[in-house]
Amino acid sequence: MKLSTLSRLAILVLVAGSAAGCANTIRGVGQDTANAVDATQNAGRNVVRAAN
């Protein structure tokens, strides 16, 4: 079965859209991880200040 040009174009657009969505998700996970690290470091500093 041969795919028409329009079908191939539609598949290409769907694949590109999916790839862009994955990139945004990966970027968001990276930001969330960085925020968690910052929060942990800040909590550690607060504990040290409270102990002094």
PDB file of N, CA and C in Angstrom:
ATOM      1  N   MET A   1       0.845  -1.168   0.000  1.00  0.00           N
ATOM      2  CA  MET A   1       0.000   0.000   0.000  1.00  0.00           C
ATOM      3  C   MET A   1       0.893   1.234   0.000  1.00  0.00           C
ATOM      4  N   LYS A   2       0.634   2.155  -0.921  1.00  0.00           N
ATOM      5  CA  LYS A   2       1.418   3.371  -1.006  1.00  0.00           C
ATOM      6  C   LYS A   2       0.709   4.488  -0.258  1.00  0.00           C
ATOM      7  N   LEU A   3       1.500   5.295   0.440  1.00  0.00           N
ATOM      8  CA  LEU A   3       0.947   6.452   1.131  1.00  0.00           C
ATOM      9  C   LEU A   3       0.959   7.653   0.191  1.00  0.00           C
ATOM     10  N   SER A   4      -0.098   8.408   0.254  1.00  0.00           N
ATOM     11  CA  SER A   4      -0.138   9.608  -0.569  1.00  0.00           C
ATOM     12  C   SER A   4       0.778  10.667   0.034  1.00  0.00           C
ATOM     13  N   THR A   5       1.071  11.679  -0.737  1.00  0.00           N
ATOM     14  CA  THR A   5       1.916  12.770  -0.272  1.00  0.00           C
ATOM     15  C   THR A   5       1.296  13.460   0.932  1.00  0.00           C
ATOM     16  N   LEU A   6      -0.004  13.626   0.923  1.00  0.00           N
ATOM     17  CA  LEU A   6      -0.689  14.276   2.039  1.00  0.00           C
ATOM     18  C   LEU A   6      -0.579  13.431   3.305  1.00  0.00           C
ATOM     19  N   SER A   7      -0.687  12.130   3.184  1.00  0.00           N
ATOM     20  CA  SER A   7      -0.548  11.244   4.338  1.00  0.00           C
ATOM     21  C   SER A   7       0.859  11.306   4.907  1.00  0.00           C
ATOM     22  N   ARG A   8       1.849  11.321   4.046  1.00  0.00           N
ATOM     23  CA  ARG A   8       3.231  11.414   4.497  1.00  0.00           C
ATOM     24  C   ARG A   8       3.481  12.736   5.214  1.00  0.00           C
ATOM     25  N   LEU A   9       2.928  13.798   4.685  1.00  0.00           N
ATOM     26  CA  LEU A   9       3.088  15.113   5.298  1.00  0.00           C
ATOM     27  C   LEU A   9       2.414  15.150   6.669  1.00  0.00           C
ATOM     28  N   ALA A  10       1.235  14.559   6.773  1.00  0.00           N
ATOM     29  CA  ALA A  10       0.520  14.515   8.044  1.00  0.00           C
ATOM     30  C   ALA A  10       1.316  13.721   9.084  1.00  0.00           C
ATOM     31  N   ILE A  11       1.890  12.609   8.685  1.00  0.00           N
ATOM     32  CA  ILE A  11       2.705  11.801   9.589  1.00  0.00           C
ATOM     33  C   ILE A  11       3.932  12.587  10.039  1.00  0.00           C
ATOM     34  N   LEU A  12       4.565  13.285   9.136  1.00  0.00           N
ATOM     35  CA  LEU A  12       5.737  14.092   9.464  1.00  0.00           C
ATOM     36  C   LEU A  12       5.391  15.186  10.478  1.00  0.00           C
ATOM     37  N   VAL A  13       4.260  15.834  10.297  1.00  0.00           N
ATOM     38  CA  VAL A  13       3.827  16.880  11.222  1.00  0.00           C
ATOM     39  C   VAL A  13       3.542  16.289  12.598  1.00  0.00           C
ATOM     40  N   LEU A  14       2.903  15.146  12.655  1.00  0.00           N
ATOM     41  CA  LEU A  14       2.622  14.494  13.937  1.00  0.00           C
ATOM     42  C   LEU A  14       3.900  14.089  14.666  1.00  0.00           C
ATOM     43  N   VAL A  15       4.849  13.553  13.941  1.00  0.00           N
ATOM     44  CA  VAL A  15       6.118  13.144  14.556  1.00  0.00           C
ATOM     45  C   VAL A  15       6.869  14.369  15.069  1.00  0.00           C
ATOM     46  N   ALA A  16       6.898  15.434  14.292  1.00  0.00           N
ATOM     47  CA  ALA A  16       7.587  16.657  14.722  1.00  0.00           C
ATOM     48  C   ALA A  16       6.909  17.252  15.953  1.00  0.00           C
ATOM     49  N   GLY A  17       5.589  17.244  15.981  1.00  0.00           N
ATOM     50  CA  GLY A  17       4.867  17.756  17.144  1.00  0.00           C
ATOM     51  C   GLY A  17       5.127  16.927  18.384  1.00  0.00           C
ATOM     52  N   SER A  18       5.189  15.624  18.227  1.00  0.00           N
ATOM     53  CA  SER A  18       5.482  14.748  19.363  1.00  0.00           C
ATOM     54  C   SER A  18       6.889  14.988  19.890  1.00  0.00           C
ATOM     55  N   ALA A  19       7.839  15.162  19.005  1.00  0.00           N
ATOM     56  CA  ALA A  19       9.219  15.414  19.418  1.00  0.00           C
ATOM     57  C   ALA A  19       9.320  16.740  20.173  1.00  0.00           C
ATOM     58  N   ALA A  20       8.613  17.748  19.715  1.00  0.00           N
ATOM     59  CA  ALA A  20       8.631  19.049  20.390  1.00  0.00           C
ATOM     60  C   ALA A  20       8.009  18.925  21.776  1.00  0.00           C
ATOM     61  N   GLY A  21       6.953  18.164  21.903  1.00  0.00           N
ATOM     62  CA  GLY A  21       6.321  17.951  23.203  1.00  0.00           C
ATOM     63  C   GLY A  21       7.250  17.244  24.172  1.00  0.00           C
ATOM     64  N   CYS A  22       7.993  16.279  23.691  1.00  0.00           N
ATOM     65  CA  CYS A  22       8.949  15.570  24.554  1.00  0.00           C
ATOM     66  C   CYS A  22      10.055  16.505  25.018  1.00  0.00           C
ATOM     67  N   ALA A  23      10.524  17.363  24.143  1.00  0.00           N
ATOM     68  CA  ALA A  23      11.586  18.303  24.509  1.00  0.00           C
ATOM     69  C   ALA A  23      11.114  19.234  25.611  1.00  0.00           C
ATOM     70  N   ASN A  24       9.884  19.703  25.519  1.00  0.00           N
ATOM     71  CA  ASN A  24       9.345  20.584  26.558  1.00  0.00           C
ATOM     72  C   ASN A  24       9.212  19.849  27.884  1.00  0.00           C
ATOM     73  N   THR A  25       8.808  18.596  27.839  1.00  0.00           N
ATOM     74  CA  THR A  25       8.663  17.804  29.064  1.00  0.00           C
ATOM     75  C   THR A  25      10.022  17.583  29.720  1.00  0.00           C
ATOM     76  N   ILE A  26      11.019  17.254  28.935  1.00  0.00           N
ATOM     77  CA  ILE A  26      12.361  17.019  29.469  1.00  0.00           C
ATOM     78  C   ILE A  26      12.911  18.310  30.078  1.00  0.00           C
ATOM     79  N   ARG A  27      12.674  19.429  29.418  1.00  0.00           N
ATOM     80  CA  ARG A  27      13.128  20.720  29.947  1.00  0.00           C
ATOM     81  C   ARG A  27      12.440  21.012  31.280  1.00  0.00           C
ATOM     82  N   GLY A  28      11.157  20.724  31.369  1.00  0.00           N
ATOM     83  CA  GLY A  28      10.408  20.956  32.602  1.00  0.00           C
ATOM     84  C   GLY A  28      10.902  20.086  33.744  1.00  0.00           C
ATOM     85  N   VAL A  29      11.240  18.843  33.448  1.00  0.00           N
ATOM     86  CA  VAL A  29      11.765  17.946  34.484  1.00  0.00           C
ATOM     87  C   VAL A  29      13.104  18.482  34.991  1.00  0.00           C
ATOM     88  N   GLY A  30      13.918  18.979  34.099  1.00  0.00           N
ATOM     89  CA  GLY A  30      15.200  19.557  34.502  1.00  0.00           C
ATOM     90  C   GLY A  30      15.015  20.757  35.418  1.00  0.00           C
ATOM     91  N   GLN A  31      14.053  21.607  35.101  1.00  0.00           N
ATOM     92  CA  GLN A  31      13.780  22.774  35.947  1.00  0.00           C
ATOM     93  C   GLN A  31      13.247  22.347  37.310  1.00  0.00           C
ATOM     94  N   ASP A  32      12.368  21.367  37.327  1.00  0.00           N
ATOM     95  CA  ASP A  32      11.829  20.869  38.598  1.00  0.00           C
ATOM     96  C   ASP A  32      12.936  20.290  39.477  1.00  0.00           C
ATOM     97  N   THR A  33      13.854  19.559  38.868  1.00  0.00           N
ATOM     98  CA  THR A  33      14.963  18.977  39.610  1.00  0.00           C
ATOM     99  C   THR A  33      15.856  20.073  40.188  1.00  0.00           C
ATOM    100  N   ALA A  34      16.141  21.084  39.386  1.00  0.00           N
ATOM    101  CA  ALA A  34      16.964  22.198  39.865  1.00  0.00           C
ATOM    102  C   ALA A  34      16.279  22.915  41.024  1.00  0.00           C
ATOM    103  N   ASN A  35      14.980  23.097  40.935  1.00  0.00           N
ATOM    104  CA  ASN A  35      14.239  23.746  42.024  1.00  0.00           C
ATOM    105  C   ASN A  35      14.276  22.907  43.300  1.00  0.00           C
ATOM    106  N   ALA A  36      14.186  21.598  43.154  1.00  0.00           N
ATOM    107  CA  ALA A  36      14.238  20.716  44.326  1.00  0.00           C
ATOM    108  C   ALA A  36      15.609  20.789  44.994  1.00  0.00           C
ATOM    109  N   VAL A  37      16.659  20.841  44.205  1.00  0.00           N
ATOM    110  CA  VAL A  37      18.011  20.952  44.750  1.00  0.00           C
ATOM    111  C   VAL A  37      18.164  22.279  45.483  1.00  0.00           C
ATOM    112  N   ASP A  38      17.684  23.353  44.885  1.00  0.00           N
ATOM    113  CA  ASP A  38      17.764  24.667  45.541  1.00  0.00           C
ATOM    114  C   ASP A  38      17.000  24.675  46.863  1.00  0.00           C
ATOM    115  N   ALA A  39      15.826  24.095  46.877  1.00  0.00           N
ATOM    116  CA  ALA A  39      15.020  24.060  48.101  1.00  0.00           C
ATOM    117  C   ALA A  39      15.716  23.247  49.185  1.00  0.00           C
ATOM    118  N   THR A  40      16.340  22.146  48.805  1.00  0.00           N
ATOM    119  CA  THR A  40      17.057  21.318  49.771  1.00  0.00           C
ATOM    120  C   THR A  40      18.243  22.072  50.350  1.00  0.00           C
ATOM    121  N   GLN A  41      18.980  22.770  49.500  1.00  0.00           N
ATOM    122  CA  GLN A  41      20.121  23.549  49.978  1.00  0.00           C
ATOM    123  C   GLN A  41      19.673  24.672  50.910  1.00  0.00           C
ATOM    124  N   ASN A  42      18.596  25.344  50.563  1.00  0.00           N
ATOM    125  CA  ASN A  42      18.076  26.413  51.419  1.00  0.00           C
ATOM    126  C   ASN A  42      17.624  25.863  52.774  1.00  0.00           C
ATOM    127  N   ALA A  43      16.994  24.705  52.772  1.00  0.00           N
ATOM    128  CA  ALA A  43      16.555  24.095  54.027  1.00  0.00           C
ATOM    129  C   ALA A  43      17.766  23.741  54.883  1.00  0.00           C
ATOM    130  N   GLY A  44      18.816  23.242  54.274  1.00  0.00           N
ATOM    131  CA  GLY A  44      20.040  22.927  55.004  1.00  0.00           C
ATOM    132  C   GLY A  44      20.655  24.175  55.622  1.00  0.00           C
ATOM    133  N   ARG A  45      20.669  25.257  54.878  1.00  0.00           N
ATOM    134  CA  ARG A  45      21.200  26.518  55.419  1.00  0.00           C
ATOM    135  C   ARG A  45      20.356  27.002  56.597  1.00  0.00           C
ATOM    136  N   ASN A  46      19.063  26.872  56.486  1.00  0.00           N
ATOM    137  CA  ASN A  46      18.174  27.292  57.576  1.00  0.00           C
ATOM    138  C   ASN A  46      18.420  26.469  58.846  1.00  0.00           C
ATOM    139  N   VAL A  47      18.668  25.177  58.681  1.00  0.00           N
ATOM    140  CA  VAL A  47      18.942  24.322  59.822  1.00  0.00           C
ATOM    141  C   VAL A  47      20.252  24.744  60.483  1.00  0.00           C
ATOM    142  N   VAL A  48      21.266  25.045  59.688  1.00  0.00           N
ATOM    143  CA  VAL A  48      22.557  25.460  60.217  1.00  0.00           C
ATOM    144  C   VAL A  48      22.416  26.780  60.966  1.00  0.00           C
ATOM    145  N   ARG A  49      21.658  27.717  60.400  1.00  0.00           N
ATOM    146  CA  ARG A  49      21.455  29.013  61.055  1.00  0.00           C
ATOM    147  C   ARG A  49      20.689  28.849  62.372  1.00  0.00           C
ATOM    148  N   ALA A  50      19.726  27.965  62.399  1.00  0.00           N
ATOM    149  CA  ALA A  50      18.928  27.747  63.605  1.00  0.00           C
ATOM    150  C   ALA A  50      19.759  27.094  64.704  1.00  0.00           C
ATOM    151  N   ALA A  51      20.731  26.297  64.331  1.00  0.00           N
ATOM    152  CA  ALA A  51      21.572  25.600  65.308  1.00  0.00           C
ATOM    153  C   ALA A  51      22.592  26.549  65.936  1.00  0.00           C
ATOM    154  N   ASN A  52      22.898  27.641  65.251  1.00  0.00           N
ATOM    155  CA  ASN A  52      23.917  28.581  65.764  1.00  0.00           C
ATOM    156  C   ASN A  52      23.334  29.533  66.698  1.00  0.00           C
TER     157      ASN A  52
END
